[in-house]
């Protein structure tokens, strides 16, 4: 049969592969053809792997075994997921997630020739499931940015309008899915870097509960806020990928067993939705975004959801808090890139100059900005005034969400203040760029799960640009996000 990548999802592709309608090699070749055609303009991929078709051939052998076997597969170690939903499914991986033997540059010159020596836990899990890795995707350098304009290897463009950004820092991953250059992708989210590009590109982006997905093998930006999650076409697909990569990991001391979270449901039939109306006036939100959001609220009501207004007293301080804590952790995590242990090395007159010259040559402006800001807020005389106060406010924000979830099951907000902005329009104004995280950063500060789902389009400059809404739930309650998201989008 002819493969229609526009309509294909993980779920439907799995059914076709299982029934033998097409092979994984044919499916993978279809995505490689799209990448060859579109990537030169969009720049979603930094590298396309030359072993993707070979991996697809191996997947086809396993698929043949499944089709030809009338009994349950005996070799559980070879096929650990009895549903085999990701077997033979092509995907893209953000450039800060390690794949053994492959370059992992985090879109930085300082790691331009660095080859990973081990697999990230999520890569090992997807490998066991039989997923096909197509390549590594572009991103803001070391995940520092909200537009994928900070990459050392050029800007990624939004497939819906090449003059606009795809969002960031997982812009390459989001663009790869939106341009039909992968069936799903992995990204990382520290302040909204999965959900914001998902909104800009018209797809689904999930930031799981902190610790639900192991960070082992993810290059650390801000360790207490970093998350790995999927970017997909549908909520159903997001759930499939999440279930494949989740779980406690002995290699990551912050990973969790989600079964330890108590299950609490306020709504008897459908989740009760809370809307922080007072917060929606923050950040110069586009009036058309408010209109689209209100339409989404009414759509939930029409489907039988109870919607009530809630108050989150300290959420307005999220951006200020985030941009104190994150640079502080950035300054600590970036200290390892010194030109000695791995990556770029530039000779100076002595050891200390080697360090300075290497970092000057290898790191971009936004990375340097955050290192300097982080060193400042952690310095003597300013630690208590800035960093300690920010951590106290972070706890207050977490308490606000905890109280809100005593009366609602889901909190609903816009994902972004508007649709994708034009390339270059905010690069000279860091504060304007930082405000792009106003609706997404609270979930990272508190560690609760959050998901952006498509909510229509907004007409700008003659183009229909996607816009998303964001669903947030209690710690460990991704199931409620999937339930409400699938219901909203009409997924069976």
Protein backbone atom coordinates (compact mmCIF):
# COMPACT_ATOMS: atom_id res chain seq x y z
CA UNK A 1 0.00 0.00 0.00
CA UNK A 2 1.03 3.63 -0.48
CA UNK A 3 2.23 5.18 2.77
CA UNK A 4 0.56 8.51 3.62
CA UNK A 5 2.87 10.10 6.19
CA UNK A 6 0.44 12.99 6.75
CA UNK A 7 -2.16 10.68 8.28
CA UNK A 8 0.17 8.18 9.92
CA UNK A 9 0.43 7.87 13.71
CA UNK A 10 2.36 5.41 15.85
CA UNK A 11 -0.87 3.53 16.49
CA UNK A 12 -1.86 3.23 12.82
CA UNK A 13 1.70 2.55 11.66
CA UNK A 14 1.95 -0.25 14.21
CA UNK A 15 -1.25 -1.81 12.86
CA UNK A 16 0.00 -1.62 9.27
CA UNK A 17 3.39 -3.09 10.18
CA UNK A 18 1.76 -5.86 12.15
CA UNK A 19 -0.57 -6.70 9.24
CA UNK A 20 2.25 -6.58 6.70
CA UNK A 21 0.77 -3.68 4.70
CA UNK A 22 4.26 -2.21 4.49
CA UNK A 23 7.65 -2.89 6.04
CA UNK A 24 9.73 -0.89 8.47
CA UNK A 25 12.30 -0.43 5.70
CA UNK A 26 9.65 1.11 3.45
CA UNK A 27 8.40 3.29 6.27
CA UNK A 28 11.89 4.42 7.24
CA UNK A 29 12.78 5.13 3.64
CA UNK A 30 9.66 7.30 3.39
CA UNK A 31 10.84 9.48 6.25
CA UNK A 32 14.39 9.63 4.91
CA UNK A 33 13.01 10.84 1.58
CA UNK A 34 11.11 13.65 3.32
CA UNK A 35 14.22 14.63 5.28
CA UNK A 36 16.28 14.73 2.07
CA UNK A 37 13.67 16.98 0.49
CA UNK A 38 12.79 19.34 3.34
CA UNK A 39 15.67 19.47 5.81
CA UNK A 40 17.83 21.80 3.72
CA UNK A 41 15.19 24.50 4.23
CA UNK A 42 13.99 23.64 7.75
CA UNK A 43 17.26 22.44 9.37
CA UNK A 44 15.49 20.16 11.81
CA UNK A 45 18.23 17.51 11.65
CA UNK A 46 21.90 18.08 12.37
CA UNK A 47 22.71 14.53 11.28
CA UNK A 48 20.81 11.70 9.63
CA UNK A 49 22.15 8.32 10.74
CA UNK A 50 23.50 6.05 8.03
CA UNK A 51 22.44 2.90 9.88
CA UNK A 52 18.70 3.66 10.05
CA UNK A 53 17.76 1.35 7.18
CA UNK A 54 19.89 -1.45 8.64
CA UNK A 55 18.02 -1.10 11.95
CA UNK A 56 14.73 -1.18 10.02
CA UNK A 57 15.76 -4.46 8.36
CA UNK A 58 16.32 -6.00 11.78
CA UNK A 59 12.92 -4.74 12.91
CA UNK A 60 11.30 -6.37 9.88
CA UNK A 61 12.84 -9.72 10.85
CA UNK A 62 11.23 -9.41 14.29
CA UNK A 63 7.92 -8.35 12.75
CA UNK A 64 8.01 -11.42 10.52
CA UNK A 65 8.51 -13.60 13.61
CA UNK A 66 5.46 -12.02 15.22
CA UNK A 67 3.27 -12.46 12.15
CA UNK A 68 4.39 -16.06 11.63
CA UNK A 69 4.01 -17.10 15.24
CA UNK A 70 0.64 -18.31 16.44
CA UNK A 71 1.79 -18.41 20.05
CA UNK A 72 3.32 -15.86 22.37
CA UNK A 73 6.93 -14.91 21.58
CA UNK A 74 9.25 -16.90 23.81
CA UNK A 75 12.24 -14.56 23.81
CA UNK A 76 11.03 -11.82 26.16
CA UNK A 77 14.49 -10.24 26.35
CA UNK A 78 14.41 -9.66 22.61
CA UNK A 79 10.89 -8.20 22.66
CA UNK A 80 10.13 -6.87 26.15
CA UNK A 81 6.94 -4.99 25.18
CA UNK A 82 4.27 -7.56 24.39
CA UNK A 83 2.38 -5.04 22.25
CA UNK A 84 5.49 -4.19 20.18
CA UNK A 85 3.99 -0.75 19.50
CA UNK A 86 7.32 0.94 18.73
CA UNK A 87 8.89 -1.92 16.81
CA UNK A 88 10.01 -0.56 13.43
CA UNK A 89 8.77 2.98 14.21
CA UNK A 90 11.16 5.76 13.04
CA UNK A 91 11.96 8.56 15.50
CA UNK A 92 14.25 11.55 15.99
CA UNK A 93 16.41 12.32 19.03
CA UNK A 94 17.37 15.72 20.40
CA UNK A 95 21.10 16.37 20.18
CA UNK A 96 21.60 16.48 23.98
CA UNK A 97 20.53 12.85 24.51
CA UNK A 98 23.37 10.34 24.22
CA UNK A 99 23.38 7.54 21.66
CA UNK A 100 26.47 5.35 21.96
CA UNK A 101 28.92 5.90 19.12
CA UNK A 102 27.02 8.90 17.73
CA UNK A 103 27.97 12.57 17.94
CA UNK A 104 26.16 14.37 20.75
CA UNK A 105 27.05 18.04 20.44
CA UNK A 106 24.15 19.72 22.24
CA UNK A 107 24.28 22.07 19.21
CA UNK A 108 27.54 23.56 20.53
CA UNK A 109 30.95 24.00 18.94
CA UNK A 110 32.58 22.90 22.18
CA UNK A 111 31.25 19.34 21.61
CA UNK A 112 31.35 19.36 17.81
CA UNK A 113 33.30 16.10 17.54
CA UNK A 114 32.24 14.43 20.79
CA UNK A 115 30.99 10.85 20.34
CA UNK A 116 28.88 9.42 23.14
CA UNK A 117 30.44 6.50 24.98
CA UNK A 118 27.17 5.09 26.33
CA UNK A 119 23.43 5.15 25.74
CA UNK A 120 21.02 7.31 27.67
CA UNK A 121 18.49 5.18 29.51
CA UNK A 122 15.68 6.38 27.22
CA UNK A 123 17.74 5.29 24.20
CA UNK A 124 18.32 1.86 25.70
CA UNK A 125 14.59 1.50 26.34
CA UNK A 126 13.57 2.63 22.87
CA UNK A 127 16.24 0.35 21.39
CA UNK A 128 14.78 -2.64 23.21
CA UNK A 129 11.36 -1.68 21.91
CA UNK A 130 12.74 -1.75 18.38
CA UNK A 131 12.37 1.96 17.53
CA UNK A 132 14.42 3.22 14.56
CA UNK A 133 16.67 6.22 15.24
CA UNK A 134 16.65 8.46 12.17
CA UNK A 135 19.06 11.10 13.42
CA UNK A 136 19.81 13.86 15.90
CA UNK A 137 17.88 17.10 15.85
CA UNK A 138 18.85 20.75 16.14
CA UNK A 139 18.31 22.67 19.36
CA UNK A 140 19.29 25.79 21.26
CA UNK A 141 22.87 25.33 22.44
CA UNK A 142 22.85 23.23 25.62
CA UNK A 143 19.04 23.70 25.63
CA UNK A 144 19.36 27.39 26.50
CA UNK A 145 16.71 29.22 24.52
CA UNK A 146 13.10 29.34 23.41
CA UNK A 147 13.42 29.49 19.64
CA UNK A 148 16.25 27.21 18.37
CA UNK A 149 18.00 30.34 17.15
CA UNK A 150 20.92 29.77 19.54
CA UNK A 151 22.27 26.66 17.80
CA UNK A 152 25.87 26.82 16.64
CA UNK A 153 24.70 25.07 13.46
CA UNK A 154 22.07 27.47 12.19
CA UNK A 155 18.45 28.32 12.88
CA UNK A 156 15.67 25.74 12.60
CA UNK A 157 12.58 27.01 10.78
CA UNK A 158 8.93 26.33 11.48
CA UNK A 159 7.42 23.97 8.86
CA UNK A 160 4.19 26.03 8.90
CA UNK A 161 6.02 29.25 8.00
CA UNK A 162 9.73 29.25 7.18
CA UNK A 163 10.07 32.86 8.35
CA UNK A 164 9.14 31.85 11.89
CA UNK A 165 10.81 29.90 14.70
CA UNK A 166 9.71 26.38 15.63
CA UNK A 167 10.12 27.18 19.32
CA UNK A 168 12.85 25.89 21.55
CA UNK A 169 14.95 24.47 22.80
CA UNK A 170 13.54 21.26 21.27
CA UNK A 171 12.69 23.05 18.03
CA UNK A 172 14.44 20.53 15.81
CA UNK A 173 12.55 17.63 17.36
CA UNK A 174 9.20 19.43 17.04
CA UNK A 175 9.92 20.47 13.44
CA UNK A 176 10.93 16.91 12.51
CA UNK A 177 7.49 15.63 13.53
CA UNK A 178 5.59 18.58 12.04
CA UNK A 179 7.32 18.25 8.65
CA UNK A 180 6.69 14.47 8.56
CA UNK A 181 10.39 13.83 9.01
CA UNK A 182 9.80 11.45 11.93
CA UNK A 183 6.83 9.69 13.50
CA UNK A 184 7.83 10.87 16.97
CA UNK A 185 10.77 12.59 18.62
CA UNK A 186 12.34 12.95 22.03
CA UNK A 187 13.06 16.37 23.46
CA UNK A 188 14.04 17.84 26.80
CA UNK A 189 12.06 20.36 28.84
CA UNK A 190 13.53 22.65 31.51
CA UNK A 191 11.22 25.67 31.24
CA UNK A 192 8.86 24.65 28.45
CA UNK A 193 11.23 23.35 25.79
CA UNK A 194 8.96 20.48 24.74
CA UNK A 195 5.56 22.15 25.18
CA UNK A 196 6.33 25.53 23.61
CA UNK A 197 7.69 24.10 20.31
CA UNK A 198 4.83 21.61 20.30
CA UNK A 199 2.41 24.55 20.44
CA UNK A 200 4.26 26.47 17.71
CA UNK A 201 4.38 23.41 15.44
CA UNK A 202 0.85 22.13 16.02
CA UNK A 203 1.68 18.82 17.70
CA UNK A 204 1.50 17.20 21.16
CA UNK A 205 4.31 17.73 23.67
CA UNK A 206 4.52 16.01 27.07
CA UNK A 207 6.67 17.05 30.01
CA UNK A 208 6.36 14.14 32.46
CA UNK A 209 6.49 14.28 36.24
CA UNK A 210 10.03 15.07 37.40
CA UNK A 211 11.81 11.74 37.78
CA UNK A 212 9.20 9.69 35.90
CA UNK A 213 11.66 9.39 32.99
CA UNK A 214 15.33 8.83 33.75
CA UNK A 215 17.70 11.71 32.97
CA UNK A 216 20.70 9.39 32.74
CA UNK A 217 22.43 10.25 29.48
CA UNK A 218 20.80 13.67 29.12
CA UNK A 219 23.32 16.52 29.10
CA UNK A 220 22.44 18.50 32.20
CA UNK A 221 21.35 22.10 31.91
CA UNK A 222 19.53 22.66 35.22
CA UNK A 223 19.44 19.33 37.00
CA UNK A 224 16.48 20.01 39.29
CA UNK A 225 14.27 21.05 36.37
CA UNK A 226 15.40 18.92 33.39
CA UNK A 227 12.91 16.42 31.93
CA UNK A 228 12.89 14.12 28.89
CA UNK A 229 9.61 13.68 27.05
CA UNK A 230 7.99 12.88 23.68
CA UNK A 231 6.77 15.06 20.83
CA UNK A 232 4.06 13.30 18.83
CA UNK A 233 1.11 13.85 16.49
CA UNK A 234 -1.49 12.57 18.93
CA UNK A 235 -2.06 12.17 22.67
CA UNK A 236 -2.39 8.41 22.14
CA UNK A 237 1.07 8.33 20.61
CA UNK A 238 2.44 10.42 23.48
CA UNK A 239 1.09 7.87 25.94
CA UNK A 240 2.65 5.00 23.98
CA UNK A 241 6.11 6.61 24.02
CA UNK A 242 5.82 7.70 27.65
CA UNK A 243 4.97 4.16 28.75
CA UNK A 244 8.03 2.89 26.87
CA UNK A 245 10.55 5.31 28.43
CA UNK A 246 9.18 5.78 31.95
CA UNK A 247 10.34 4.01 35.09
CA UNK A 248 12.77 4.09 37.97
CA UNK A 249 16.42 3.82 36.99
CA UNK A 250 19.27 2.85 39.32
CA UNK A 251 21.56 5.09 37.25
CA UNK A 252 19.48 8.18 38.10
CA UNK A 253 19.02 8.88 41.79
CA UNK A 254 16.21 11.34 41.07
CA UNK A 255 14.11 8.84 39.12
CA UNK A 256 10.93 7.58 40.76
CA UNK A 257 8.49 4.72 40.88
CA UNK A 258 5.22 6.44 40.00
CA UNK A 259 3.14 3.82 41.78
CA UNK A 260 4.20 5.48 45.04
CA UNK A 261 2.07 8.54 44.27
CA UNK A 262 -1.42 8.40 45.80
CA UNK A 263 -4.25 8.37 43.25
CA UNK A 264 -6.71 11.19 43.91
CA UNK A 265 -9.64 12.12 41.71
CA UNK A 266 -12.08 14.93 42.53
CA UNK A 267 -14.39 14.53 39.54
CA UNK A 268 -16.40 11.30 39.65
CA UNK A 269 -16.94 10.90 35.90
CA UNK A 270 -14.62 13.39 34.24
CA UNK A 271 -11.72 15.38 35.64
CA UNK A 272 -12.61 18.79 37.09
CA UNK A 273 -10.72 21.55 35.29
CA UNK A 274 -9.34 24.66 36.99
CA UNK A 275 -8.56 27.88 35.14
CA UNK A 276 -6.29 30.52 36.79
CA UNK A 277 -8.08 33.49 35.19
CA UNK A 278 -6.03 36.12 37.01
CA UNK A 279 -2.83 34.67 35.53
CA UNK A 280 -4.02 34.90 31.93
CA UNK A 281 -3.39 38.63 31.86
CA UNK A 282 0.34 38.13 32.40
CA UNK A 283 3.07 38.45 29.81
CA UNK A 284 1.36 40.45 27.08
CA UNK A 285 -0.68 37.54 25.78
CA UNK A 286 -2.02 37.86 22.24
CA UNK A 287 -5.80 38.61 22.24
CA UNK A 288 -6.30 35.91 19.61
CA UNK A 289 -4.61 33.42 21.93
CA UNK A 290 -7.07 34.32 24.69
CA UNK A 291 -9.91 33.85 22.21
CA UNK A 292 -8.60 30.41 21.19
CA UNK A 293 -8.16 29.50 24.83
CA UNK A 294 -11.73 30.50 25.70
CA UNK A 295 -12.99 28.43 22.78
CA UNK A 296 -11.10 25.46 24.21
CA UNK A 297 -12.65 26.05 27.65
CA UNK A 298 -16.13 26.05 26.13
CA UNK A 299 -15.29 22.87 24.21
CA UNK A 300 -14.42 21.12 27.47
CA UNK A 301 -17.69 22.33 29.00
CA UNK A 302 -19.60 21.02 26.00
CA UNK A 303 -18.04 17.60 26.59
CA UNK A 304 -19.36 17.53 30.15
CA UNK A 305 -16.38 18.83 32.11
CA UNK A 306 -16.88 21.02 35.14
CA UNK A 307 -14.70 24.12 34.83
CA UNK A 308 -14.02 26.38 37.79
CA UNK A 309 -11.85 29.44 38.34
CA UNK A 310 -8.89 28.99 40.67
CA UNK A 311 -6.24 31.28 42.12
CA UNK A 312 -2.50 30.58 42.15
CA UNK A 313 -1.24 33.52 44.24
CA UNK A 314 2.48 33.23 43.52
CA UNK A 315 2.52 31.94 39.95
CA UNK A 316 3.29 35.43 38.63
CA UNK A 317 6.76 35.10 40.19
CA UNK A 318 7.57 31.95 38.20
CA UNK A 319 9.67 33.60 35.49
CA UNK A 320 11.75 35.62 37.96
CA UNK A 321 12.27 32.53 40.09
CA UNK A 322 13.09 30.35 37.10
CA UNK A 323 15.71 32.75 35.74
CA UNK A 324 17.56 32.81 39.03
CA UNK A 325 17.54 29.07 39.76
CA UNK A 326 18.29 27.93 36.21
CA UNK A 327 21.39 30.11 35.60
CA UNK A 328 22.71 29.07 39.02
CA UNK A 329 22.49 25.40 38.06
CA UNK A 330 23.77 26.16 34.56
CA UNK A 331 26.92 27.79 35.95
CA UNK A 332 27.64 24.65 37.97
CA UNK A 333 26.85 22.15 35.20
CA UNK A 334 28.81 24.00 32.52
CA UNK A 335 32.01 23.99 34.58
CA UNK A 336 32.78 20.50 33.23
CA UNK A 337 33.39 21.88 29.73
CA UNK A 338 36.95 23.01 30.33
CA UNK A 339 38.84 21.76 27.26
CA UNK A 340 40.61 19.08 29.30
CA UNK A 341 38.31 16.10 29.75
CA UNK A 342 36.45 16.03 26.44
CA UNK A 343 35.34 18.22 23.58
CA UNK A 344 37.07 21.22 22.08
CA UNK A 345 40.54 22.26 23.30
CA UNK A 346 42.17 25.58 22.40
CA UNK A 347 45.77 26.21 23.48
CA UNK A 348 46.58 29.28 25.53
CA UNK A 349 49.77 30.47 27.19
CA UNK A 350 49.10 28.32 30.26
CA UNK A 351 46.50 26.03 31.81
CA UNK A 352 44.10 28.75 32.90
CA UNK A 353 44.27 30.42 29.49
CA UNK A 354 43.53 27.06 27.85
CA UNK A 355 40.31 27.10 29.85
CA UNK A 356 39.37 30.65 28.91
CA UNK A 357 40.25 30.30 25.23
CA UNK A 358 38.39 26.99 24.89
CA UNK A 359 35.20 28.36 26.39
CA UNK A 360 35.48 31.62 24.43
CA UNK A 361 35.78 29.70 21.17
CA UNK A 362 33.30 26.93 21.97
CA UNK A 363 30.35 28.55 23.75
CA UNK A 364 27.68 30.84 22.34
CA UNK A 365 26.38 34.15 23.67
CA UNK A 366 23.29 32.83 25.49
CA UNK A 367 25.28 30.10 27.25
CA UNK A 368 27.86 32.63 28.41
CA UNK A 369 25.10 35.01 29.54
CA UNK A 370 23.54 32.35 31.75
CA UNK A 371 26.87 31.19 33.17
CA UNK A 372 27.69 34.77 34.19
CA UNK A 373 24.25 35.38 35.66
CA UNK A 374 24.40 32.09 37.56
CA UNK A 375 27.84 32.82 38.98
CA UNK A 376 26.56 36.21 40.11
CA UNK A 377 23.48 34.95 41.98
CA UNK A 378 25.60 32.29 43.72
CA UNK A 379 28.39 34.67 44.68
CA UNK A 380 29.17 35.84 48.20
CA UNK A 381 26.85 38.62 49.26
CA UNK A 382 24.19 37.78 46.67
CA UNK A 383 23.43 34.12 47.40
CA UNK A 384 20.91 34.92 50.13
CA UNK A 385 19.44 37.91 48.31
CA UNK A 386 18.76 36.01 45.10
CA UNK A 387 19.23 32.25 45.10
CA UNK A 388 17.91 31.48 48.58
CA UNK A 389 14.94 33.76 48.05
CA UNK A 390 14.19 32.12 44.70
CA UNK A 391 14.19 28.64 46.22
CA UNK A 392 11.79 29.86 48.91
CA UNK A 393 9.43 31.27 46.26
CA UNK A 394 9.71 28.01 44.35
CA UNK A 395 8.34 26.19 47.40
CA UNK A 396 5.51 28.72 47.65
CA UNK A 397 4.56 28.13 44.02
CA UNK A 398 4.56 24.37 44.63
CA UNK A 399 2.29 24.87 47.65
CA UNK A 400 -0.11 26.90 45.51
CA UNK A 401 -0.46 24.06 43.03
CA UNK A 402 -0.83 21.51 45.80
CA UNK A 403 -3.73 23.50 47.26
CA UNK A 404 -5.33 23.98 43.85
CA UNK A 405 -5.32 20.24 43.25
CA UNK A 406 -7.42 19.77 46.37
CA UNK A 407 -10.42 21.03 44.36
CA UNK A 408 -9.54 20.31 40.70
CA UNK A 409 -7.94 17.46 38.75
CA UNK A 410 -6.49 19.42 35.83
CA UNK A 411 -5.32 23.01 35.44
CA UNK A 412 -5.78 24.57 32.02
CA UNK A 413 -3.75 27.46 30.58
CA UNK A 414 -2.52 28.63 27.18
CA UNK A 415 0.81 27.04 26.31
CA UNK A 416 2.31 30.23 24.92
CA UNK A 417 1.48 33.93 24.75
CA UNK A 418 0.90 33.66 20.99
CA UNK A 419 1.78 31.69 17.86
CA UNK A 420 5.34 31.30 16.58
CA UNK A 421 7.18 34.61 16.26
CA UNK A 422 9.39 35.62 13.36
CA UNK A 423 13.05 34.62 13.27
CA UNK A 424 15.23 37.41 14.67
CA UNK A 425 12.37 39.37 16.23
CA UNK A 426 13.42 38.68 19.84
CA UNK A 427 17.11 37.82 19.66
CA UNK A 428 18.21 41.30 20.78
CA UNK A 429 15.82 41.34 23.76
CA UNK A 430 16.61 38.48 26.18
CA UNK A 431 13.79 39.50 28.56
CA UNK A 432 11.18 39.26 25.79
CA UNK A 433 12.57 35.83 24.90
CA UNK A 434 12.51 34.71 28.54
CA UNK A 435 8.84 35.72 28.83
CA UNK A 436 8.04 33.02 26.28
CA UNK A 437 8.26 30.60 29.23
CA UNK A 438 5.65 32.39 31.34
CA UNK A 439 2.97 29.68 31.10
CA UNK A 440 5.29 26.67 30.89
CA UNK A 441 7.95 27.31 33.56
CA UNK A 442 5.70 26.72 36.63
CA UNK A 443 5.35 23.00 35.79
CA UNK A 444 9.15 22.62 35.68
CA UNK A 445 9.63 24.51 38.95
CA UNK A 446 7.09 22.27 40.69
CA UNK A 447 7.84 19.00 38.87
CA UNK A 448 4.19 18.32 37.96
CA UNK A 449 3.33 16.75 34.58
CA UNK A 450 2.15 19.06 31.80
CA UNK A 451 1.12 18.54 28.20
CA UNK A 452 0.52 20.88 25.28
CA UNK A 453 -2.12 19.84 22.76
CA UNK A 454 -3.20 21.59 19.53
CA UNK A 455 -6.08 24.05 19.88
CA UNK A 456 -6.56 25.41 16.39
CA UNK A 457 -4.77 28.13 14.45
CA UNK A 458 -4.37 31.90 14.43
CA UNK A 459 -4.15 33.88 11.20
CA UNK A 460 -0.98 36.00 11.00
CA UNK A 461 0.48 37.62 7.90
CA UNK A 462 -1.60 35.42 5.64
CA UNK A 463 -0.55 32.18 7.35
CA UNK A 464 -2.55 29.88 9.63
CA UNK A 465 -0.25 29.33 12.60
CA UNK A 466 -0.84 26.62 15.23
CA UNK A 467 -1.62 27.45 18.84
CA UNK A 468 -1.76 25.09 21.83
CA UNK A 469 -3.37 24.78 25.23
CA UNK A 470 -1.63 23.31 28.26
CA UNK A 471 -2.98 20.72 30.69
CA UNK A 472 -1.31 20.28 34.09
CA UNK A 473 -2.00 17.54 36.65
CA UNK A 474 -0.83 16.25 40.03
CA UNK A 475 2.55 14.57 40.44
CA UNK A 476 2.47 11.14 38.84
CA UNK A 477 -0.93 11.66 37.19
CA UNK A 478 -0.07 11.64 33.51
CA UNK A 479 -3.05 9.32 33.05
CA UNK A 480 -5.47 12.19 33.66
CA UNK A 481 -3.63 14.36 31.14
CA UNK A 482 -3.94 11.61 28.53
CA UNK A 483 -7.63 11.09 29.35
CA UNK A 484 -8.56 14.77 29.04
CA UNK A 485 -6.29 15.37 26.04
CA UNK A 486 -7.67 12.43 24.04
CA UNK A 487 -11.23 13.48 24.86
CA UNK A 488 -10.60 17.08 23.73
CA UNK A 489 -9.00 16.00 20.43
CA UNK A 490 -11.60 13.28 19.79
CA UNK A 491 -9.14 10.40 19.92
CA UNK A 492 -10.70 7.00 20.55
